[in-house]
Amino acid sequence: MFSVAVSVPHNKDKFDMNKVTDDDDGEAVRTKILNCDVYIGNRVVAATVLKWPNVLDQCPNAPVQWPVPKKCNGKEIKTWADIAAFCDGEYIKKNLYPQAAHAESRTLNYFKENDKIRKNSKDGLMVFYVRDSPCGETCTNPGNTRNILSKIPAIRNWKNYVVVFSNVFKPDDNNPNRVNELRESLERLGYAIAEKGTKEEDKKSNGLKHIFRCYRQPKMDEMKCLICNTNGAVAHKCISNV
């Protein structure tokens, strides 16, 4: 899982992606986030999810970025590898499960504080991309302290903005209420990013028109993008693969 916020400048009659790649090299972004860091560039902020024990394979020597006790059995903890080497099962269970620092939340944390990326907000386009659609349990759950609902309205600083995802999140294949939960999650996201000044009764529809699902079609080398607003409701293809 990864998330990228991209500020695309407006150039004459179009949005110029070439300027983005001129300022922020794709390989540099990839290298940074795969090492569990947050990439902060001129037009791009990006991050991956941090989840134990996946970090032991992804970035064992990277600094621990969660607020955990600094010592285990008298040994100082600096990296994820240190935890694996020095800490017992009780420490890991108490401090690392079921925690996960979601990619979109990590991106938004730095995005809100980054003045450089805002320099093209007046006429530019903000593309906030996350690989999977937002989960209802954490990302858009008002009762969860790690939700993104209070952070993501920052994309409205741009005159033009979209939230884009590729895959439909799969919380539990055996959950009979899965589709409804996914629909409600996108609705809450829509409310959060509705344009400033939108009437309360129109917020869901207004916000949904800024949400898109873009994915590569099977056996075809081209992308397909779908708007997640269908007559004010969540489009079926944004919550289901069938």
Protein backbone atom coordinates (compact mmCIF):
# COMPACT_ATOMS: atom_id res chain seq x y z
CA MET A 1 0.00 0.00 0.00
CA PHE A 2 1.28 3.47 -0.88
CA SER A 3 -0.08 6.97 -1.26
CA VAL A 4 1.09 9.97 -3.30
CA ALA A 5 0.01 13.61 -3.24
CA VAL A 6 0.95 15.41 -6.47
CA SER A 7 0.57 19.12 -7.18
CA VAL A 8 0.23 19.46 -10.95
CA PRO A 9 0.73 23.00 -12.31
CA HIS A 10 -1.55 24.56 -14.87
CA ASN A 11 0.23 25.49 -18.08
CA LYS A 12 -1.79 27.43 -20.63
CA ASP A 13 -4.81 25.21 -21.36
CA LYS A 14 -3.74 22.00 -19.60
CA PHE A 15 -2.22 20.51 -16.48
CA ASP A 16 1.46 19.81 -17.08
CA MET A 17 2.66 16.48 -15.63
CA ASN A 18 6.07 17.00 -17.25
CA LYS A 19 6.79 19.74 -14.73
CA VAL A 20 6.11 17.28 -11.91
CA THR A 21 8.66 14.76 -13.16
CA ASP A 22 11.16 17.56 -13.80
CA ASP A 23 10.99 18.55 -10.13
CA ASP A 24 10.60 15.12 -8.51
CA ASP A 25 12.35 12.08 -9.95
CA GLY A 26 10.20 8.95 -9.84
CA GLU A 27 13.05 6.66 -8.84
CA ALA A 28 14.00 8.96 -5.99
CA VAL A 29 10.41 8.85 -4.73
CA ARG A 30 10.33 5.07 -4.96
CA THR A 31 13.66 4.58 -3.18
CA LYS A 32 12.70 6.90 -0.35
CA ILE A 33 9.31 5.40 0.44
CA LEU A 34 10.50 1.79 0.15
CA ASN A 35 12.97 2.62 2.89
CA CYS A 36 9.93 3.57 5.01
CA ASP A 37 10.66 7.29 4.82
CA VAL A 38 8.18 9.92 3.68
CA TYR A 39 9.24 11.55 0.42
CA ILE A 40 8.82 15.33 0.56
CA GLY A 41 9.60 17.10 -2.69
CA ASN A 42 8.68 20.25 -4.57
CA ARG A 43 5.44 18.87 -5.96
CA VAL A 44 5.19 15.39 -4.44
CA VAL A 45 4.64 13.91 -1.00
CA ALA A 46 4.53 10.12 -0.80
CA ALA A 47 4.65 7.26 1.71
CA THR A 48 4.02 3.55 2.14
CA VAL A 49 2.17 1.83 4.95
CA LEU A 50 4.21 0.85 8.02
CA LYS A 51 3.08 -2.46 9.47
CA TRP A 52 4.74 -4.97 11.75
CA PRO A 53 6.30 -7.42 10.88
CA ASN A 54 6.35 -6.33 7.21
CA VAL A 55 8.84 -3.59 8.06
CA LEU A 56 11.43 -6.25 8.90
CA ASP A 57 11.54 -7.21 5.22
CA GLN A 58 10.96 -3.76 3.79
CA CYS A 59 13.25 -1.57 5.89
CA PRO A 60 14.82 -3.42 8.86
CA ASN A 61 17.47 -0.75 9.43
CA ALA A 62 15.13 2.22 9.22
CA PRO A 63 14.32 4.20 12.39
CA VAL A 64 11.26 3.10 14.36
CA GLN A 65 8.62 5.73 13.72
CA TRP A 66 6.05 4.71 16.32
CA PRO A 67 6.06 5.96 19.92
CA VAL A 68 7.36 2.77 21.55
CA PRO A 69 9.55 2.31 24.66
CA LYS A 70 13.15 3.16 23.79
CA LYS A 71 14.70 0.13 25.44
CA CYS A 72 14.14 -3.63 25.47
CA ASN A 73 15.88 -5.81 28.05
CA GLY A 74 18.37 -2.99 28.65
CA LYS A 75 19.11 -2.58 24.92
CA GLU A 76 18.44 0.70 23.13
CA ILE A 77 15.85 0.54 20.35
CA LYS A 78 16.53 2.58 17.23
CA THR A 79 15.54 0.40 14.27
CA TRP A 80 12.92 -2.21 13.46
CA ALA A 81 15.72 -4.80 13.43
CA ASP A 82 16.56 -3.83 17.02
CA ILE A 83 13.04 -4.73 18.09
CA ALA A 84 13.32 -8.15 16.47
CA ALA A 85 16.73 -8.73 18.06
CA PHE A 86 16.16 -7.47 21.59
CA CYS A 87 12.44 -7.48 22.41
CA ASP A 88 10.29 -10.33 23.64
CA GLY A 89 6.85 -11.39 22.45
CA GLU A 90 5.01 -9.46 25.18
CA TYR A 91 6.67 -6.18 24.15
CA ILE A 92 5.81 -6.79 20.50
CA LYS A 93 2.23 -7.76 21.30
CA LYS A 94 1.71 -4.68 23.48
CA ASN A 95 3.41 -2.08 21.27
CA LEU A 96 3.23 -3.31 17.68
CA TYR A 97 -0.06 -5.15 17.26
CA PRO A 98 -2.47 -4.27 15.76
CA GLN A 99 -0.84 -0.96 14.90
CA ALA A 100 -0.29 0.18 11.34
CA ALA A 101 0.61 3.62 10.07
CA HIS A 102 -1.49 3.87 6.91
CA ALA A 103 0.09 5.32 3.79
CA GLU A 104 -2.55 7.99 3.17
CA SER A 105 -2.36 9.24 6.75
CA ARG A 106 1.45 9.44 6.67
CA THR A 107 1.31 11.37 3.40
CA LEU A 108 -1.27 13.81 4.70
CA ASN A 109 0.67 14.44 7.92
CA TYR A 110 3.53 15.95 5.94
CA PHE A 111 1.39 17.29 3.14
CA LYS A 112 -0.40 19.70 5.50
CA GLU A 113 2.91 21.08 6.76
CA ASN A 114 4.66 21.37 3.41
CA ASP A 115 4.61 24.92 2.01
CA LYS A 116 6.54 23.97 -1.12
CA ILE A 117 3.82 21.72 -2.48
CA ARG A 118 1.23 24.47 -2.06
CA LYS A 119 2.92 26.91 -4.37
CA ASN A 120 0.77 25.85 -7.34
CA SER A 121 -2.48 25.52 -5.45
CA LYS A 122 -4.15 28.57 -6.98
CA ASP A 123 -4.61 27.25 -10.51
CA GLY A 124 -3.08 23.80 -10.19
CA LEU A 125 -4.50 20.32 -9.75
CA MET A 126 -4.02 18.26 -6.62
CA VAL A 127 -4.04 14.52 -7.29
CA PHE A 128 -4.21 12.55 -4.07
CA TYR A 129 -3.63 8.90 -4.99
CA VAL A 130 -3.86 5.80 -2.83
CA ARG A 131 -3.65 2.28 -4.20
CA ASP A 132 -6.73 0.95 -2.35
CA SER A 133 -10.00 2.69 -1.60
CA PRO A 134 -10.27 4.00 1.98
CA CYS A 135 -11.10 1.48 4.68
CA GLY A 136 -14.12 2.19 6.83
CA GLU A 137 -12.63 0.76 10.02
CA THR A 138 -9.76 3.25 10.25
CA CYS A 139 -9.40 5.72 7.39
CA THR A 140 -12.92 7.16 7.35
CA ASN A 141 -14.10 6.09 10.79
CA PRO A 142 -14.90 9.26 12.80
CA GLY A 143 -14.44 7.27 16.01
CA ASN A 144 -10.89 6.19 15.14
CA THR A 145 -8.12 8.59 16.13
CA ARG A 146 -6.12 7.59 13.05
CA ASN A 147 -8.78 8.53 10.49
CA ILE A 148 -7.99 10.94 7.64
CA LEU A 149 -11.25 12.89 7.69
CA SER A 150 -9.74 15.89 9.46
CA LYS A 151 -6.58 15.86 7.31
CA ILE A 152 -7.77 15.32 3.76
CA PRO A 153 -9.79 18.58 3.47
CA ALA A 154 -6.38 20.25 2.96
CA ILE A 155 -6.57 19.21 -0.71
CA ARG A 156 -9.33 21.80 -1.12
CA ASN A 157 -6.61 24.48 -1.03
CA TRP A 158 -6.21 23.68 -4.71
CA LYS A 159 -8.64 25.13 -7.22
CA ASN A 160 -8.87 21.66 -8.76
CA TYR A 161 -8.48 18.43 -6.81
CA VAL A 162 -9.22 14.72 -7.07
CA VAL A 163 -8.83 11.64 -4.92
CA VAL A 164 -7.88 8.61 -7.00
CA PHE A 165 -7.60 4.93 -6.11
CA SER A 166 -7.09 1.76 -8.16
CA ASN A 167 -8.22 -1.23 -6.11
CA VAL A 168 -11.36 -1.79 -4.09
CA PHE A 169 -10.33 -2.37 -0.47
CA LYS A 170 -10.97 -5.92 0.75
CA PRO A 171 -11.57 -5.88 4.51
CA ASP A 172 -13.12 -9.34 4.81
CA ASP A 173 -14.29 -11.54 1.95
CA ASN A 174 -16.76 -13.25 4.29
CA ASN A 175 -18.34 -10.01 5.45
CA PRO A 176 -21.93 -9.90 4.08
CA ASN A 177 -22.06 -6.14 4.72
CA ARG A 178 -18.82 -5.43 2.90
CA VAL A 179 -20.28 -3.50 -0.04
CA ASN A 180 -22.36 -1.30 2.25
CA GLU A 181 -19.32 -0.54 4.41
CA LEU A 182 -17.28 0.41 1.36
CA ARG A 183 -20.10 2.63 0.10
CA GLU A 184 -20.42 4.38 3.45
CA SER A 185 -16.67 4.86 3.60
CA LEU A 186 -16.61 6.67 0.25
CA GLU A 187 -19.63 8.72 1.28
CA ARG A 188 -17.82 9.93 4.40
CA LEU A 189 -14.78 10.76 2.29
CA GLY A 190 -17.04 12.69 -0.06
CA TYR A 191 -18.43 14.75 2.79
CA ALA A 192 -14.88 15.54 3.96
CA ILE A 193 -13.70 16.90 0.59
CA ALA A 194 -16.85 18.66 -0.59
CA GLU A 195 -16.14 22.10 -1.97
CA LYS A 196 -16.15 24.96 0.51
CA GLY A 197 -19.55 26.60 0.78
CA THR A 198 -21.47 23.53 -0.41
CA LYS A 199 -24.87 23.11 1.23
CA GLU A 200 -25.06 20.30 3.76
CA GLU A 201 -27.56 18.30 1.70
CA ASP A 202 -25.30 18.49 -1.36
CA LYS A 203 -21.98 17.61 0.27
CA LYS A 204 -22.05 13.88 -0.47
CA SER A 205 -22.74 14.38 -4.17
CA ASN A 206 -20.30 17.27 -4.46
CA GLY A 207 -17.51 15.35 -2.76
CA LEU A 208 -18.07 12.17 -4.75
CA LYS A 209 -17.52 14.00 -8.02
CA HIS A 210 -13.92 14.55 -6.90
CA ILE A 211 -13.31 10.81 -6.33
CA PHE A 212 -12.20 8.50 -9.14
CA ARG A 213 -11.23 4.89 -9.56
CA CYS A 214 -8.47 4.45 -12.16
CA TYR A 215 -7.14 1.00 -12.94
CA ARG A 216 -5.45 -0.95 -15.71
CA GLN A 217 -7.91 -3.09 -17.62
CA PRO A 218 -7.16 -6.84 -17.70
CA LYS A 219 -5.26 -7.92 -20.82
CA MET A 220 -5.20 -4.34 -22.08
CA ASP A 221 -2.35 -1.88 -21.83
CA GLU A 222 -4.49 1.12 -20.98
CA MET A 223 -6.00 2.78 -17.94
CA LYS A 224 -9.69 3.21 -17.30
CA CYS A 225 -10.98 5.94 -14.99
CA LEU A 226 -14.45 6.06 -13.48
CA ILE A 227 -16.03 8.85 -11.51
CA CYS A 228 -17.46 7.61 -8.22
CA ASN A 229 -20.55 9.81 -8.42
CA THR A 230 -23.65 8.41 -10.10
CA ASN A 231 -26.62 10.74 -9.69
CA GLY A 232 -25.44 11.69 -6.22
CA ALA A 233 -24.75 8.11 -5.13
CA VAL A 234 -21.58 6.00 -5.02
CA ALA A 235 -20.92 4.31 -8.36
CA HIS A 236 -21.04 0.51 -8.12
CA LYS A 237 -17.67 0.05 -9.83
CA CYS A 238 -16.04 2.07 -7.06
CA ILE A 239 -17.05 -0.49 -4.43
CA SER A 240 -17.10 -3.75 -6.37
CA ASN A 241 -15.10 -5.58 -9.03
CA VAL A 242 -18.22 -7.29 -10.42
